[in-house]
């Protein structure tokens, strides 16, 4: 087994942080990423809103990785994103027990 050193990821805007937390929280509850319509609903966006402006910066920064082009749930979080969530929740002083449990479980392998 090889040990990977996780590289720090670039800082996010507040809205990008919101999107990442929603995706992570959804994954913690349902063990899958939200679909586009589920993500729009969680973020309070109109049903026809294009999510590319919200998700593409997270992919480009390394927080999300694409799973497949025509998948219902086309993204998954990277290990670096899960690691960054701990600091993000501390910084925002948010208490999300399910999400914290998921982060701890993910970190343990």
N, C-alpha and C. Protein backbone atom coordinates (compact mmCIF):
# COMPACT_ATOMS: atom_id res chain seq x y z
N UNK A 1 0.85 -1.18 0.00
CA UNK A 1 0.00 0.00 0.00
C UNK A 1 0.89 1.24 0.00
N UNK A 2 0.60 2.18 -0.86
CA UNK A 2 1.38 3.41 -0.91
C UNK A 2 0.68 4.50 -0.12
N UNK A 3 1.46 5.34 0.49
CA UNK A 3 0.92 6.46 1.26
C UNK A 3 1.02 7.69 0.40
N UNK A 4 -0.13 8.35 0.21
CA UNK A 4 -0.15 9.57 -0.58
C UNK A 4 -0.10 10.77 0.36
N UNK A 5 0.68 11.76 -0.02
CA UNK A 5 0.70 13.01 0.71
C UNK A 5 -0.32 13.93 0.06
N UNK A 6 -1.26 14.39 0.85
CA UNK A 6 -2.30 15.26 0.32
C UNK A 6 -1.78 16.68 0.21
N UNK A 7 -1.94 17.24 -0.95
CA UNK A 7 -1.51 18.61 -1.19
C UNK A 7 -2.62 19.56 -0.76
N UNK A 8 -2.26 20.69 -0.15
CA UNK A 8 -3.31 21.65 0.23
C UNK A 8 -4.00 22.19 -1.02
N UNK A 9 -5.28 22.40 -0.89
CA UNK A 9 -6.07 22.91 -2.01
C UNK A 9 -6.24 24.41 -1.89
N UNK A 10 -6.53 25.09 -3.01
CA UNK A 10 -6.71 26.54 -2.96
C UNK A 10 -7.94 26.93 -2.13
N UNK A 11 -7.91 28.15 -1.64
CA UNK A 11 -9.03 28.66 -0.85
C UNK A 11 -10.29 28.77 -1.71
N UNK A 12 -11.42 28.66 -1.07
CA UNK A 12 -12.70 28.74 -1.75
C UNK A 12 -13.44 30.02 -1.38
N UNK A 13 -14.34 30.43 -2.26
CA UNK A 13 -15.22 31.54 -1.92
C UNK A 13 -16.27 31.00 -0.94
N UNK A 14 -17.00 31.88 -0.31
CA UNK A 14 -18.02 31.45 0.64
C UNK A 14 -19.09 30.59 -0.04
N UNK A 15 -19.49 30.97 -1.24
CA UNK A 15 -20.50 30.20 -1.96
C UNK A 15 -19.97 28.82 -2.36
N UNK A 16 -18.71 28.74 -2.76
CA UNK A 16 -18.11 27.45 -3.08
C UNK A 16 -18.05 26.57 -1.84
N UNK A 17 -17.75 27.17 -0.69
CA UNK A 17 -17.77 26.43 0.56
C UNK A 17 -19.17 25.89 0.84
N UNK A 18 -20.19 26.73 0.60
CA UNK A 18 -21.58 26.29 0.79
C UNK A 18 -21.89 25.06 -0.06
N UNK A 19 -21.49 25.11 -1.32
CA UNK A 19 -21.74 24.00 -2.25
C UNK A 19 -21.02 22.74 -1.77
N UNK A 20 -19.77 22.87 -1.37
CA UNK A 20 -19.01 21.72 -0.90
C UNK A 20 -19.64 21.12 0.36
N UNK A 21 -20.07 21.95 1.27
CA UNK A 21 -20.70 21.46 2.50
C UNK A 21 -22.01 20.75 2.17
N UNK A 22 -22.80 21.30 1.26
CA UNK A 22 -24.06 20.65 0.87
C UNK A 22 -23.79 19.27 0.27
N UNK A 23 -22.81 19.19 -0.62
CA UNK A 23 -22.47 17.91 -1.24
C UNK A 23 -21.99 16.92 -0.18
N UNK A 24 -21.13 17.36 0.71
CA UNK A 24 -20.60 16.48 1.75
C UNK A 24 -21.70 16.05 2.72
N UNK A 25 -22.57 16.99 3.09
CA UNK A 25 -23.66 16.68 4.01
C UNK A 25 -24.61 15.67 3.37
N UNK A 26 -24.89 15.84 2.09
CA UNK A 26 -25.76 14.90 1.37
C UNK A 26 -25.12 13.52 1.36
N UNK A 27 -23.82 13.49 1.07
CA UNK A 27 -23.11 12.20 1.03
C UNK A 27 -23.11 11.54 2.41
N UNK A 28 -22.96 12.34 3.46
CA UNK A 28 -22.96 11.80 4.81
C UNK A 28 -24.31 11.16 5.15
N UNK A 29 -25.39 11.75 4.67
CA UNK A 29 -26.73 11.22 4.96
C UNK A 29 -27.12 10.06 4.06
N UNK A 30 -26.81 10.14 2.78
CA UNK A 30 -27.33 9.17 1.81
C UNK A 30 -26.26 8.27 1.20
N UNK A 31 -25.00 8.50 1.48
CA UNK A 31 -23.88 7.71 0.94
C UNK A 31 -23.78 7.78 -0.58
N UNK A 32 -24.20 8.90 -1.13
CA UNK A 32 -24.04 9.18 -2.55
C UNK A 32 -24.11 10.68 -2.74
N UNK A 33 -23.53 11.15 -3.80
CA UNK A 33 -23.57 12.58 -4.10
C UNK A 33 -24.96 12.98 -4.54
N UNK A 34 -25.33 14.24 -4.35
CA UNK A 34 -26.65 14.67 -4.83
C UNK A 34 -26.69 14.78 -6.34
N UNK A 35 -27.85 14.55 -6.91
CA UNK A 35 -28.04 14.78 -8.35
C UNK A 35 -28.10 16.28 -8.57
N UNK A 36 -28.12 16.70 -9.80
CA UNK A 36 -28.17 18.13 -10.10
C UNK A 36 -29.43 18.77 -9.52
N UNK A 37 -30.58 18.12 -9.68
CA UNK A 37 -31.82 18.69 -9.14
C UNK A 37 -31.82 18.71 -7.62
N UNK A 38 -31.25 17.70 -7.00
CA UNK A 38 -31.15 17.68 -5.53
C UNK A 38 -30.21 18.78 -5.04
N UNK A 39 -29.11 18.99 -5.74
CA UNK A 39 -28.17 20.04 -5.36
C UNK A 39 -28.81 21.42 -5.51
N UNK A 40 -29.53 21.63 -6.59
CA UNK A 40 -30.23 22.91 -6.78
C UNK A 40 -31.21 23.16 -5.64
N UNK A 41 -31.98 22.14 -5.28
CA UNK A 41 -32.97 22.27 -4.21
C UNK A 41 -32.29 22.60 -2.87
N UNK A 42 -31.20 21.91 -2.56
CA UNK A 42 -30.49 22.15 -1.30
C UNK A 42 -29.89 23.55 -1.23
N UNK A 43 -29.47 24.06 -2.38
CA UNK A 43 -28.88 25.40 -2.43
C UNK A 43 -29.92 26.50 -2.60
N UNK A 44 -31.17 26.12 -2.78
CA UNK A 44 -32.23 27.10 -2.96
C UNK A 44 -32.20 27.78 -4.32
N UNK A 45 -31.74 27.07 -5.34
CA UNK A 45 -31.65 27.62 -6.69
C UNK A 45 -32.88 27.24 -7.51
N UNK A 46 -33.14 28.02 -8.53
CA UNK A 46 -34.24 27.73 -9.44
C UNK A 46 -33.98 26.40 -10.15
N UNK A 47 -35.05 25.69 -10.51
CA UNK A 47 -34.90 24.36 -11.13
C UNK A 47 -34.07 24.34 -12.41
N UNK A 48 -34.02 25.40 -13.16
CA UNK A 48 -33.28 25.41 -14.42
C UNK A 48 -31.91 26.07 -14.31
N UNK A 49 -31.47 26.37 -13.11
CA UNK A 49 -30.18 27.01 -12.92
C UNK A 49 -29.05 26.09 -13.37
N UNK A 50 -28.11 26.62 -14.13
CA UNK A 50 -26.95 25.86 -14.57
C UNK A 50 -25.96 25.77 -13.41
N UNK A 51 -25.61 24.58 -13.03
CA UNK A 51 -24.73 24.37 -11.88
C UNK A 51 -23.24 24.47 -12.22
N UNK A 52 -22.92 24.60 -13.48
CA UNK A 52 -21.51 24.62 -13.88
C UNK A 52 -20.73 25.71 -13.16
N UNK A 53 -21.31 26.86 -12.98
CA UNK A 53 -20.62 27.95 -12.30
C UNK A 53 -20.35 27.67 -10.83
N UNK A 54 -21.11 26.75 -10.26
CA UNK A 54 -20.93 26.39 -8.86
C UNK A 54 -20.00 25.20 -8.69
N UNK A 55 -20.11 24.23 -9.60
CA UNK A 55 -19.38 22.97 -9.45
C UNK A 55 -18.02 23.00 -10.15
N UNK A 56 -17.93 23.64 -11.31
CA UNK A 56 -16.67 23.64 -12.08
C UNK A 56 -15.48 24.16 -11.28
N UNK A 57 -15.61 25.25 -10.51
CA UNK A 57 -14.45 25.70 -9.73
C UNK A 57 -14.00 24.67 -8.69
N UNK A 58 -14.94 23.89 -8.16
CA UNK A 58 -14.58 22.85 -7.19
C UNK A 58 -13.84 21.70 -7.86
N UNK A 59 -14.22 21.40 -9.10
CA UNK A 59 -13.51 20.36 -9.86
C UNK A 59 -12.11 20.86 -10.23
N UNK A 60 -12.04 22.09 -10.76
CA UNK A 60 -10.75 22.66 -11.17
C UNK A 60 -9.78 22.80 -9.99
N UNK A 61 -10.33 23.06 -8.81
CA UNK A 61 -9.47 23.23 -7.63
C UNK A 61 -9.09 21.91 -6.98
N UNK A 62 -9.73 20.82 -7.38
CA UNK A 62 -9.38 19.52 -6.83
C UNK A 62 -10.24 19.06 -5.67
N UNK A 63 -11.34 19.76 -5.38
CA UNK A 63 -12.23 19.36 -4.30
C UNK A 63 -13.20 18.26 -4.73
N UNK A 64 -13.57 18.29 -6.00
CA UNK A 64 -14.45 17.27 -6.57
C UNK A 64 -13.77 16.65 -7.78
N UNK A 65 -14.15 15.42 -8.07
CA UNK A 65 -13.67 14.80 -9.30
C UNK A 65 -14.85 14.22 -10.06
N UNK A 66 -14.82 14.35 -11.38
CA UNK A 66 -15.93 13.82 -12.18
C UNK A 66 -15.92 12.30 -12.18
N UNK A 67 -17.11 11.73 -12.14
CA UNK A 67 -17.25 10.27 -12.16
C UNK A 67 -17.50 9.81 -13.59
N UNK A 68 -18.36 10.50 -14.29
CA UNK A 68 -18.68 10.16 -15.67
C UNK A 68 -19.50 11.27 -16.28
N UNK A 69 -19.46 11.36 -17.55
CA UNK A 69 -20.09 12.49 -18.21
C UNK A 69 -21.61 12.50 -18.11
N UNK A 70 -22.26 11.38 -18.31
CA UNK A 70 -23.71 11.35 -18.33
C UNK A 70 -24.28 10.58 -17.13
N UNK A 71 -23.65 10.75 -16.01
CA UNK A 71 -24.10 10.10 -14.79
C UNK A 71 -25.14 10.97 -14.08
N UNK A 72 -26.05 10.33 -13.37
CA UNK A 72 -27.04 11.08 -12.58
C UNK A 72 -26.36 11.82 -11.43
N UNK A 73 -25.34 11.23 -10.88
CA UNK A 73 -24.58 11.83 -9.78
C UNK A 73 -23.12 11.93 -10.26
N UNK A 74 -22.80 12.99 -11.00
CA UNK A 74 -21.56 13.02 -11.78
C UNK A 74 -20.28 13.38 -11.03
N UNK A 75 -20.34 13.66 -9.72
CA UNK A 75 -19.13 14.08 -9.01
C UNK A 75 -18.99 13.32 -7.70
N UNK A 76 -17.74 13.22 -7.26
CA UNK A 76 -17.48 12.70 -5.92
C UNK A 76 -16.40 13.57 -5.29
N UNK A 77 -16.39 13.58 -3.98
CA UNK A 77 -15.40 14.39 -3.25
C UNK A 77 -14.05 13.69 -3.25
N UNK A 78 -13.01 14.49 -3.27
CA UNK A 78 -11.66 13.94 -3.19
C UNK A 78 -11.26 13.83 -1.72
N UNK A 79 -10.26 13.02 -1.41
CA UNK A 79 -9.78 12.95 -0.02
C UNK A 79 -9.34 14.32 0.52
N UNK A 80 -8.78 15.15 -0.35
CA UNK A 80 -8.37 16.49 0.07
C UNK A 80 -9.57 17.33 0.49
N UNK A 81 -10.68 17.16 -0.21
CA UNK A 81 -11.90 17.90 0.13
C UNK A 81 -12.42 17.48 1.50
N UNK A 82 -12.41 16.19 1.75
CA UNK A 82 -12.87 15.69 3.04
C UNK A 82 -11.98 16.23 4.15
N UNK A 83 -10.68 16.25 3.91
CA UNK A 83 -9.75 16.80 4.89
C UNK A 83 -10.01 18.29 5.12
N UNK A 84 -10.28 19.02 4.06
CA UNK A 84 -10.53 20.46 4.17
C UNK A 84 -11.83 20.76 4.90
N UNK A 85 -12.79 19.85 4.85
CA UNK A 85 -14.08 20.08 5.50
C UNK A 85 -13.95 20.23 7.01
N UNK A 86 -13.04 19.52 7.62
CA UNK A 86 -12.85 19.63 9.06
C UNK A 86 -12.52 21.07 9.45
N UNK A 87 -11.55 21.65 8.78
CA UNK A 87 -11.18 23.03 9.05
C UNK A 87 -12.30 24.00 8.71
N UNK A 88 -13.02 23.71 7.65
CA UNK A 88 -14.11 24.57 7.22
C UNK A 88 -15.23 24.60 8.26
N UNK A 89 -15.59 23.44 8.80
CA UNK A 89 -16.63 23.40 9.83
C UNK A 89 -16.17 24.10 11.11
N UNK A 90 -14.90 23.94 11.45
CA UNK A 90 -14.36 24.63 12.63
C UNK A 90 -14.39 26.14 12.42
N UNK A 91 -13.97 26.57 11.26
CA UNK A 91 -13.93 27.99 10.93
C UNK A 91 -15.32 28.61 11.00
N UNK A 92 -16.31 27.90 10.51
CA UNK A 92 -17.69 28.41 10.49
C UNK A 92 -18.42 28.14 11.81
N UNK A 93 -17.79 27.40 12.69
CA UNK A 93 -18.39 27.03 13.97
C UNK A 93 -19.74 26.32 13.78
N UNK A 94 -19.77 25.41 12.82
CA UNK A 94 -20.97 24.66 12.52
C UNK A 94 -20.91 23.30 13.18
N UNK A 95 -22.02 22.93 13.79
CA UNK A 95 -22.12 21.62 14.42
C UNK A 95 -23.00 20.74 13.55
N UNK A 96 -22.39 19.86 12.81
CA UNK A 96 -23.10 18.92 11.94
C UNK A 96 -22.62 17.52 12.29
N UNK A 97 -23.28 16.89 13.27
CA UNK A 97 -22.80 15.60 13.76
C UNK A 97 -22.68 14.52 12.68
N UNK A 98 -23.66 14.43 11.77
CA UNK A 98 -23.59 13.41 10.72
C UNK A 98 -22.39 13.64 9.81
N UNK A 99 -22.16 14.90 9.47
CA UNK A 99 -21.05 15.24 8.59
C UNK A 99 -19.72 14.99 9.29
N UNK A 100 -19.63 15.37 10.55
CA UNK A 100 -18.39 15.12 11.31
C UNK A 100 -18.11 13.62 11.44
N UNK A 101 -19.15 12.83 11.65
CA UNK A 101 -18.98 11.38 11.74
C UNK A 101 -18.51 10.81 10.40
N UNK A 102 -19.07 11.33 9.31
CA UNK A 102 -18.64 10.89 7.98
C UNK A 102 -17.17 11.23 7.75
N UNK A 103 -16.76 12.44 8.11
CA UNK A 103 -15.37 12.86 7.92
C UNK A 103 -14.44 11.95 8.71
N UNK A 104 -14.82 11.67 9.95
CA UNK A 104 -13.98 10.80 10.78
C UNK A 104 -13.90 9.38 10.21
N UNK A 105 -15.04 8.87 9.74
CA UNK A 105 -15.07 7.54 9.14
C UNK A 105 -14.24 7.51 7.86
N UNK A 106 -14.36 8.53 7.03
CA UNK A 106 -13.63 8.60 5.78
C UNK A 106 -12.12 8.66 6.06
N UNK A 107 -11.74 9.42 7.07
CA UNK A 107 -10.33 9.59 7.42
C UNK A 107 -9.71 8.29 7.91
N UNK A 108 -10.50 7.45 8.54
CA UNK A 108 -10.00 6.18 9.06
C UNK A 108 -9.89 5.11 7.98
N UNK A 109 -10.47 5.40 6.83
CA UNK A 109 -10.33 4.48 5.70
C UNK A 109 -11.52 3.64 5.58
